[in-house]
Amino acid sequence: MKRFIIAAAIGVVMAGAAMAEPVLGTWKTQVDDGAYAYVEFTPCGASLCATIAKTFNDTGEYKSPNLGKKLVWDMKADGGGNYSGGTIWQPSTGKEYRSKMVLSGNTLKVSGCVGPFCKKQTWSRVK
């Protein structure tokens, strides 16, 4: 009986780890208007959000006024590495776009769309 309880407890812990959201963590964006950022994906309610954690330009890390601002919000996991229903903010223009993402290993393809037209970036996992 004791072995059964231990085995069940291990199974619950392993299932919880397997259910962890794979997109969570820090991602490096592509350069946009001469700068790029490290963004941190975290849960926010039933969705996922990404906040600007660090900013960089051609001289290295700098203190952008955008630090701490949300870059992505309301993103929902659809399964199979696909995410949709979110909104993304482009700091260089101040505009917001409908967004979707596709995760493949340490690569995250991010799209911001207006109607049928989408701008795409490929982000890479930092940690």
C-alpha atoms as a PDB file:
ATOM      1  CA  MET A   1       0.000   0.000   0.000  1.00  0.00           C
ATOM      2  CA  LYS A   2       2.846   2.370   0.875  1.00  0.00           C
ATOM      3  CA  ARG A   3       4.476   1.738  -2.537  1.00  0.00           C
ATOM      4  CA  PHE A   4       1.185   2.484  -4.276  1.00  0.00           C
ATOM      5  CA  ILE A   5       0.856   5.846  -2.498  1.00  0.00           C
ATOM      6  CA  ILE A   6       4.469   6.769  -3.347  1.00  0.00           C
ATOM      7  CA  ALA A   7       3.975   5.741  -6.989  1.00  0.00           C
ATOM      8  CA  ALA A   8       0.749   7.780  -7.177  1.00  0.00           C
ATOM      9  CA  ALA A   9       2.476  10.833  -5.675  1.00  0.00           C
ATOM     10  CA  ILE A  10       5.331  10.564  -8.196  1.00  0.00           C
ATOM     11  CA  GLY A  11       2.779  10.275 -11.013  1.00  0.00           C
ATOM     12  CA  VAL A  12       1.005  13.457  -9.891  1.00  0.00           C
ATOM     13  CA  VAL A  13       4.307  15.387  -9.741  1.00  0.00           C
ATOM     14  CA  MET A  14       5.362  14.141 -13.195  1.00  0.00           C
ATOM     15  CA  ALA A  15       1.961  15.017 -14.694  1.00  0.00           C
ATOM     16  CA  GLY A  16       2.202  18.554 -13.282  1.00  0.00           C
ATOM     17  CA  ALA A  17       5.651  19.029 -14.828  1.00  0.00           C
ATOM     18  CA  ALA A  18       4.454  17.727 -18.188  1.00  0.00           C
ATOM     19  CA  MET A  19       1.539  20.161 -18.139  1.00  0.00           C
ATOM     20  CA  ALA A  20       3.802  23.208 -17.599  1.00  0.00           C
ATOM     21  CA  GLU A  21       3.341  25.720 -20.422  1.00  0.00           C
ATOM     22  CA  PRO A  22       6.313  25.341 -22.796  1.00  0.00           C
ATOM     23  CA  VAL A  23       6.345  28.980 -23.968  1.00  0.00           C
ATOM     24  CA  LEU A  24       6.941  30.331 -20.441  1.00  0.00           C
ATOM     25  CA  GLY A  25      10.336  31.941 -19.925  1.00  0.00           C
ATOM     26  CA  THR A  26      12.524  34.553 -21.598  1.00  0.00           C
ATOM     27  CA  TRP A  27      12.649  35.166 -25.362  1.00  0.00           C
ATOM     28  CA  LYS A  28      14.819  37.435 -27.522  1.00  0.00           C
ATOM     29  CA  THR A  29      12.845  39.413 -30.113  1.00  0.00           C
ATOM     30  CA  GLN A  30      14.121  40.332 -33.558  1.00  0.00           C
ATOM     31  CA  VAL A  31      15.522  43.812 -34.124  1.00  0.00           C
ATOM     32  CA  ASP A  32      12.772  46.378 -34.761  1.00  0.00           C
ATOM     33  CA  ASP A  33      13.662  50.012 -35.436  1.00  0.00           C
ATOM     34  CA  GLY A  34      17.266  49.428 -34.305  1.00  0.00           C
ATOM     35  CA  ALA A  35      16.476  47.742 -30.976  1.00  0.00           C
ATOM     36  CA  TYR A  36      15.449  44.374 -29.591  1.00  0.00           C
ATOM     37  CA  ALA A  37      14.216  43.093 -26.250  1.00  0.00           C
ATOM     38  CA  TYR A  38      14.160  40.169 -23.892  1.00  0.00           C
ATOM     39  CA  VAL A  39      10.525  39.438 -23.078  1.00  0.00           C
ATOM     40  CA  GLU A  40       9.303  37.263 -20.236  1.00  0.00           C
ATOM     41  CA  PHE A  41       6.246  35.061 -20.846  1.00  0.00           C
ATOM     42  CA  THR A  42       4.192  34.400 -17.726  1.00  0.00           C
ATOM     43  CA  PRO A  43       0.657  33.227 -16.985  1.00  0.00           C
ATOM     44  CA  CYS A  44      -1.878  36.049 -16.591  1.00  0.00           C
ATOM     45  CA  GLY A  45      -5.200  34.605 -15.588  1.00  0.00           C
ATOM     46  CA  ALA A  46      -6.249  31.916 -18.058  1.00  0.00           C
ATOM     47  CA  SER A  47      -4.003  33.439 -20.746  1.00  0.00           C
ATOM     48  CA  LEU A  48      -0.325  34.150 -21.352  1.00  0.00           C
ATOM     49  CA  CYS A  49       1.371  37.535 -21.346  1.00  0.00           C
ATOM     50  CA  ALA A  50       4.859  38.759 -22.212  1.00  0.00           C
ATOM     51  CA  THR A  51       6.481  41.742 -20.539  1.00  0.00           C
ATOM     52  CA  ILE A  52       9.586  43.607 -21.717  1.00  0.00           C
ATOM     53  CA  ALA A  53      12.341  42.587 -19.278  1.00  0.00           C
ATOM     54  CA  LYS A  54      15.494  44.034 -20.929  1.00  0.00           C
ATOM     55  CA  THR A  55      16.160  46.222 -23.965  1.00  0.00           C
ATOM     56  CA  PHE A  56      19.175  46.404 -26.270  1.00  0.00           C
ATOM     57  CA  ASN A  57      20.407  48.577 -29.129  1.00  0.00           C
ATOM     58  CA  ASP A  58      23.649  48.718 -31.148  1.00  0.00           C
ATOM     59  CA  THR A  59      25.591  49.876 -28.053  1.00  0.00           C
ATOM     60  CA  GLY A  60      24.282  47.097 -25.783  1.00  0.00           C
ATOM     61  CA  GLU A  61      21.710  47.010 -23.006  1.00  0.00           C
ATOM     62  CA  TYR A  62      19.944  50.289 -22.299  1.00  0.00           C
ATOM     63  CA  LYS A  63      17.072  51.514 -20.120  1.00  0.00           C
ATOM     64  CA  SER A  64      14.156  51.937 -22.529  1.00  0.00           C
ATOM     65  CA  PRO A  65      11.002  53.686 -21.326  1.00  0.00           C
ATOM     66  CA  ASN A  66       9.238  50.471 -22.450  1.00  0.00           C
ATOM     67  CA  LEU A  67      10.800  48.308 -19.713  1.00  0.00           C
ATOM     68  CA  GLY A  68       8.097  46.520 -17.745  1.00  0.00           C
ATOM     69  CA  LYS A  69       5.388  47.125 -20.351  1.00  0.00           C
ATOM     70  CA  LYS A  70       3.296  44.276 -21.734  1.00  0.00           C
ATOM     71  CA  LEU A  71       4.248  43.325 -25.273  1.00  0.00           C
ATOM     72  CA  VAL A  72       1.829  40.363 -25.649  1.00  0.00           C
ATOM     73  CA  TRP A  73      -1.411  39.689 -23.758  1.00  0.00           C
ATOM     74  CA  ASP A  74      -4.493  37.452 -23.871  1.00  0.00           C
ATOM     75  CA  MET A  75      -2.572  34.715 -25.757  1.00  0.00           C
ATOM     76  CA  LYS A  76      -4.180  31.272 -25.461  1.00  0.00           C
ATOM     77  CA  ALA A  77      -2.557  27.879 -25.992  1.00  0.00           C
ATOM     78  CA  ASP A  78      -4.343  25.878 -28.698  1.00  0.00           C
ATOM     79  CA  GLY A  79      -2.154  22.778 -28.334  1.00  0.00           C
ATOM     80  CA  GLY A  80       0.569  21.388 -30.544  1.00  0.00           C
ATOM     81  CA  GLY A  81       2.744  24.499 -30.090  1.00  0.00           C
ATOM     82  CA  ASN A  82       0.077  26.822 -31.515  1.00  0.00           C
ATOM     83  CA  TYR A  83      -1.154  29.957 -29.732  1.00  0.00           C
ATOM     84  CA  SER A  84      -3.833  32.445 -30.788  1.00  0.00           C
ATOM     85  CA  GLY A  85      -6.300  35.076 -29.643  1.00  0.00           C
ATOM     86  CA  GLY A  86      -3.643  37.420 -28.320  1.00  0.00           C
ATOM     87  CA  THR A  87      -2.717  41.018 -28.910  1.00  0.00           C
ATOM     88  CA  ILE A  88       0.805  42.278 -29.560  1.00  0.00           C
ATOM     89  CA  TRP A  89       2.077  45.864 -29.165  1.00  0.00           C
ATOM     90  CA  GLN A  90       4.775  47.248 -31.464  1.00  0.00           C
ATOM     91  CA  PRO A  91       6.769  49.748 -29.359  1.00  0.00           C
ATOM     92  CA  SER A  92       8.321  51.501 -32.381  1.00  0.00           C
ATOM     93  CA  THR A  93       4.868  52.507 -33.705  1.00  0.00           C
ATOM     94  CA  GLY A  94       2.692  52.304 -30.591  1.00  0.00           C
ATOM     95  CA  LYS A  95       0.202  50.160 -32.517  1.00  0.00           C
ATOM     96  CA  GLU A  96      -1.540  46.963 -31.364  1.00  0.00           C
ATOM     97  CA  TYR A  97      -2.226  43.952 -33.591  1.00  0.00           C
ATOM     98  CA  ARG A  98      -4.083  40.634 -33.401  1.00  0.00           C
ATOM     99  CA  SER A  99      -1.450  38.028 -32.684  1.00  0.00           C
ATOM    100  CA  LYS A 100      -0.742  34.333 -32.982  1.00  0.00           C
ATOM    101  CA  MET A 101       2.371  32.274 -32.325  1.00  0.00           C
ATOM    102  CA  VAL A 102       3.881  28.902 -33.226  1.00  0.00           C
ATOM    103  CA  LEU A 103       6.418  27.263 -30.905  1.00  0.00           C
ATOM    104  CA  SER A 104       8.961  24.789 -32.247  1.00  0.00           C
ATOM    105  CA  GLY A 105      11.710  23.862 -29.778  1.00  0.00           C
ATOM    106  CA  ASN A 106      13.590  27.050 -28.888  1.00  0.00           C
ATOM    107  CA  THR A 107      12.055  29.060 -31.733  1.00  0.00           C
ATOM    108  CA  LEU A 108       8.855  31.090 -31.470  1.00  0.00           C
ATOM    109  CA  LYS A 109       7.290  32.468 -34.655  1.00  0.00           C
ATOM    110  CA  VAL A 110       5.198  35.507 -33.718  1.00  0.00           C
ATOM    111  CA  SER A 111       2.707  37.253 -36.021  1.00  0.00           C
ATOM    112  CA  GLY A 112       0.919  40.565 -35.616  1.00  0.00           C
ATOM    113  CA  CYS A 113      -1.958  41.017 -38.060  1.00  0.00           C
ATOM    114  CA  VAL A 114      -4.322  43.685 -39.384  1.00  0.00           C
ATOM    115  CA  GLY A 115      -6.947  42.050 -41.558  1.00  0.00           C
ATOM    116  CA  PRO A 116      -5.224  39.560 -43.869  1.00  0.00           C
ATOM    117  CA  PHE A 117      -1.840  41.297 -43.591  1.00  0.00           C
ATOM    118  CA  CYS A 118       0.651  40.034 -41.010  1.00  0.00           C
ATOM    119  CA  LYS A 119       4.103  41.110 -39.905  1.00  0.00           C
ATOM    120  CA  LYS A 120       6.165  38.193 -38.614  1.00  0.00           C
ATOM    121  CA  GLN A 121       9.176  37.794 -36.363  1.00  0.00           C
ATOM    122  CA  THR A 122      11.118  34.779 -35.139  1.00  0.00           C
ATOM    123  CA  TRP A 123      12.106  34.936 -31.482  1.00  0.00           C
ATOM    124  CA  SER A 124      14.684  32.691 -29.809  1.00  0.00           C
ATOM    125  CA  ARG A 125      14.594  31.259 -26.285  1.00  0.00           C
ATOM    126  CA  VAL A 126      17.025  32.851 -23.848  1.00  0.00           C
ATOM    127  CA  LYS A 127      16.150  30.693 -20.809  1.00  0.00           C
END
